[in-house]
C-alpha atoms as a PDB file:
ATOM      1  CA  MET A   1     -62.245  32.801-140.355  1.00  0.00           C
ATOM      2  CA  ASN A   2     -59.549  35.351-139.744  1.00  0.00           C
ATOM      3  CA  VAL A   3     -60.524  38.671-138.091  1.00  0.00           C
ATOM      4  CA  GLN A   4     -58.069  41.583-138.011  1.00  0.00           C
ATOM      5  CA  PHE A   5     -58.503  44.998-136.402  1.00  0.00           C
ATOM      6  CA  HIS A   6     -56.146  47.917-136.932  1.00  0.00           C
ATOM      7  CA  ALA A   7     -56.412  51.414-135.492  1.00  0.00           C
ATOM      8  CA  ASP A   8     -53.745  53.892-136.509  1.00  0.00           C
ATOM      9  CA  ALA A   9     -53.074  56.477-133.750  1.00  0.00           C
ATOM     10  CA  VAL A  10     -56.680  56.401-132.507  1.00  0.00           C
ATOM     11  CA  ILE A  11     -57.291  57.036-128.798  1.00  0.00           C
ATOM     12  CA  GLY A  12     -59.212  54.261-127.045  1.00  0.00           C
ATOM     13  CA  THR A  13     -58.093  51.545-129.446  1.00  0.00           C
ATOM     14  CA  SER A  14     -58.745  48.627-127.053  1.00  0.00           C
ATOM     15  CA  ALA A  15     -62.325  49.748-126.340  1.00  0.00           C
ATOM     16  CA  LEU A  16     -62.875  50.319-130.052  1.00  0.00           C
ATOM     17  CA  ARG A  17     -61.538  46.821-130.801  1.00  0.00           C
ATOM     18  CA  VAL A  18     -64.010  45.286-128.315  1.00  0.00           C
ATOM     19  CA  HIS A  19     -66.837  47.352-129.803  1.00  0.00           C
ATOM     20  CA  ALA A  20     -65.931  46.263-133.356  1.00  0.00           C
ATOM     21  CA  GLU A  21     -65.785  42.594-132.324  1.00  0.00           C
ATOM     22  CA  GLU A  22     -69.193  42.758-130.590  1.00  0.00           C
ATOM     23  CA  LEU A  23     -70.683  44.508-133.597  1.00  0.00           C
ATOM     24  CA  ARG A  24     -69.118  41.981-135.996  1.00  0.00           C
ATOM     25  CA  ARG A  25     -70.564  39.167-133.921  1.00  0.00           C
ATOM     26  CA  SER A  26     -74.055  40.669-133.964  1.00  0.00           C
ATOM     27  CA  LEU A  27     -74.099  41.693-137.652  1.00  0.00           C
ATOM     28  CA  LEU A  28     -71.956  39.140-139.476  1.00  0.00           C
ATOM     29  CA  GLN A  29     -72.080  35.980-137.354  1.00  0.00           C
ATOM     30  CA  LYS A  30     -74.928  34.480-139.383  1.00  0.00           C
ATOM     31  CA  PHE A  31     -72.662  34.607-142.455  1.00  0.00           C
ATOM     32  CA  ASP A  32     -69.610  33.030-140.764  1.00  0.00           C
ATOM     33  CA  ARG A  33     -69.589  29.921-142.933  1.00  0.00           C
ATOM     34  CA  HIS A  34     -69.406  32.112-146.060  1.00  0.00           C
ATOM     35  CA  ILE A  35     -66.708  34.491-144.764  1.00  0.00           C
ATOM     36  CA  GLN A  36     -63.013  33.794-145.086  1.00  0.00           C
ATOM     37  CA  ASP A  37     -61.516  37.017-143.746  1.00  0.00           C
ATOM     38  CA  ILE A  38     -62.580  40.287-142.080  1.00  0.00           C
ATOM     39  CA  ARG A  39     -60.337  43.339-141.772  1.00  0.00           C
ATOM     40  CA  VAL A  40     -61.427  46.485-139.962  1.00  0.00           C
ATOM     41  CA  SER A  41     -59.183  49.540-140.075  1.00  0.00           C
ATOM     42  CA  VAL A  42     -59.766  52.861-138.310  1.00  0.00           C
ATOM     43  CA  THR A  43     -57.648  55.921-139.047  1.00  0.00           C
ATOM     44  CA  ASP A  44     -57.965  59.556-138.111  1.00  0.00           C
ATOM     45  CA  HIS A  45     -57.666  62.242-140.729  1.00  0.00           C
ATOM     46  CA  THR A  46     -58.432  65.870-141.304  1.00  0.00           C
ATOM     47  CA  THR A  47     -61.210  66.663-143.744  1.00  0.00           C
ATOM     48  CA  ARG A  48     -60.808  69.235-146.468  1.00  0.00           C
ATOM     49  CA  TYR A  49     -62.684  71.686-144.243  1.00  0.00           C
ATOM     50  CA  GLY A  50     -60.144  71.295-141.440  1.00  0.00           C
ATOM     51  CA  SER A  51     -62.252  69.242-139.033  1.00  0.00           C
ATOM     52  CA  LYS A  52     -61.042  65.979-137.538  1.00  0.00           C
ATOM     53  CA  ALA A  53     -62.766  62.745-138.536  1.00  0.00           C
ATOM     54  CA  PHE A  54     -62.247  59.026-138.180  1.00  0.00           C
ATOM     55  CA  ARG A  55     -62.373  56.828-141.248  1.00  0.00           C
ATOM     56  CA  CYS A  56     -63.319  53.167-140.925  1.00  0.00           C
ATOM     57  CA  GLN A  57     -62.789  50.659-143.706  1.00  0.00           C
ATOM     58  CA  ALA A  58     -64.298  47.194-143.382  1.00  0.00           C
ATOM     59  CA  GLU A  59     -63.144  44.545-145.842  1.00  0.00           C
ATOM     60  CA  VAL A  60     -64.962  41.210-145.896  1.00  0.00           C
ATOM     61  CA  THR A  61     -63.571  38.435-148.085  1.00  0.00           C
ATOM     62  CA  LEU A  62     -66.020  35.694-148.912  1.00  0.00           C
ATOM     63  CA  ASN A  63     -65.044  32.048-149.440  1.00  0.00           C
ATOM     64  CA  SER A  64     -65.504  32.627-153.159  1.00  0.00           C
ATOM     65  CA  HIS A  65     -62.604  35.151-152.960  1.00  0.00           C
ATOM     66  CA  ILE A  66     -64.891  38.114-153.522  1.00  0.00           C
ATOM     67  CA  SER A  67     -63.898  41.139-151.430  1.00  0.00           C
ATOM     68  CA  ILE A  68     -66.491  43.562-150.149  1.00  0.00           C
ATOM     69  CA  ILE A  69     -65.076  46.896-149.010  1.00  0.00           C
ATOM     70  CA  THR A  70     -67.139  49.520-147.211  1.00  0.00           C
ATOM     71  CA  ARG A  71     -65.980  52.839-145.803  1.00  0.00           C
ATOM     72  CA  HIS A  72     -67.420  55.499-143.561  1.00  0.00           C
ATOM     73  CA  ALA A  73     -66.005  58.669-142.011  1.00  0.00           C
ATOM     74  CA  ASP A  74     -67.436  60.253-138.869  1.00  0.00           C
ATOM     75  CA  SER A  75     -66.332  62.488-136.017  1.00  0.00           C
ATOM     76  CA  ASP A  76     -67.013  59.575-133.615  1.00  0.00           C
ATOM     77  CA  PRO A  77     -64.853  56.466-134.221  1.00  0.00           C
ATOM     78  CA  LYS A  78     -67.532  54.114-132.835  1.00  0.00           C
ATOM     79  CA  GLN A  79     -70.106  55.547-135.225  1.00  0.00           C
ATOM     80  CA  ALA A  80     -67.680  55.143-138.131  1.00  0.00           C
ATOM     81  CA  VAL A  81     -67.221  51.455-137.196  1.00  0.00           C
ATOM     82  CA  ASN A  82     -70.991  50.985-136.719  1.00  0.00           C
ATOM     83  CA  ILE A  83     -71.895  52.316-140.133  1.00  0.00           C
ATOM     84  CA  ALA A  84     -69.016  50.673-142.043  1.00  0.00           C
ATOM     85  CA  LEU A  85     -69.806  47.227-140.560  1.00  0.00           C
ATOM     86  CA  SER A  86     -73.562  47.720-141.078  1.00  0.00           C
ATOM     87  CA  LYS A  87     -72.946  48.527-144.745  1.00  0.00           C
ATOM     88  CA  ALA A  88     -70.699  45.462-145.013  1.00  0.00           C
ATOM     89  CA  ALA A  89     -73.359  43.175-143.481  1.00  0.00           C
ATOM     90  CA  LYS A  90     -76.026  44.474-145.884  1.00  0.00           C
ATOM     91  CA  THR A  91     -73.717  44.052-148.864  1.00  0.00           C
ATOM     92  CA  VAL A  92     -72.742  40.503-147.822  1.00  0.00           C
ATOM     93  CA  ALA A  93     -76.429  39.588-147.469  1.00  0.00           C
ATOM     94  CA  ARG A  94     -77.207  40.993-150.935  1.00  0.00           C
ATOM     95  CA  ARG A  95     -74.208  39.237-152.505  1.00  0.00           C
ATOM     96  CA  LEU A  96     -75.121  35.870-150.962  1.00  0.00           C
ATOM     97  CA  GLN A  97     -78.763  36.286-152.013  1.00  0.00           C
ATOM     98  CA  LYS A  98     -77.638  37.053-155.552  1.00  0.00           C
ATOM     99  CA  ARG A  99     -75.413  33.971-155.552  1.00  0.00           C
ATOM    100  CA  ARG A 100     -78.344  31.828-154.367  1.00  0.00           C
ATOM    101  CA  SER A 101     -80.669  33.221-157.038  1.00  0.00           C
ATOM    102  CA  ASP A 102     -78.005  32.782-159.760  1.00  0.00           C
ATOM    103  CA  ASN A 103     -77.553  29.139-158.750  1.00  0.00           C
ATOM    104  CA  CYS A 104     -81.274  28.361-158.994  1.00  0.00           C
ATOM    105  CA  ILE A 105     -82.309  26.454-162.091  1.00  0.00           C
ATOM    106  CA  LYS A 106     -84.614  28.669-164.090  1.00  0.00           C
ATOM    107  CA  PRO A 107     -87.041  27.102-166.538  1.00  0.00           C
ATOM    108  CA  ASP A 108     -86.320  27.755-170.196  1.00  0.00           C
ATOM    109  CA  LEU A 109     -89.440  29.516-171.433  1.00  0.00           C
ATOM    110  CA  ALA A 110     -88.174  29.723-175.018  1.00  0.00           C
ATOM    111  CA  THR A 111     -88.764  25.981-175.612  1.00  0.00           C
ATOM    112  CA  THR A 112     -92.507  26.068-174.940  1.00  0.00           C
END
């Protein structure tokens, strides 16, 4: 599994990278065998109201080449990472559960 972290002009990038890796380990480690690639990107931007915010985008690519992209913007970069990775973990769990249920053999009730 390939893990990439990118922070564009964000202060405290090394601490944020460590935080993102710890959070990834706690939230997504149980899905490691299903994950091919994880990319986390944090950028700062100005909202339309003039306040400063940090936008985090987490992209998780599953072994089946399905990409899951979650985004969150917050005034605290750690909170933006927390919420974006939490959303990604929930979406990965739902997607894998759906794949398991789709692969189950369902009885054909029309033949009875």
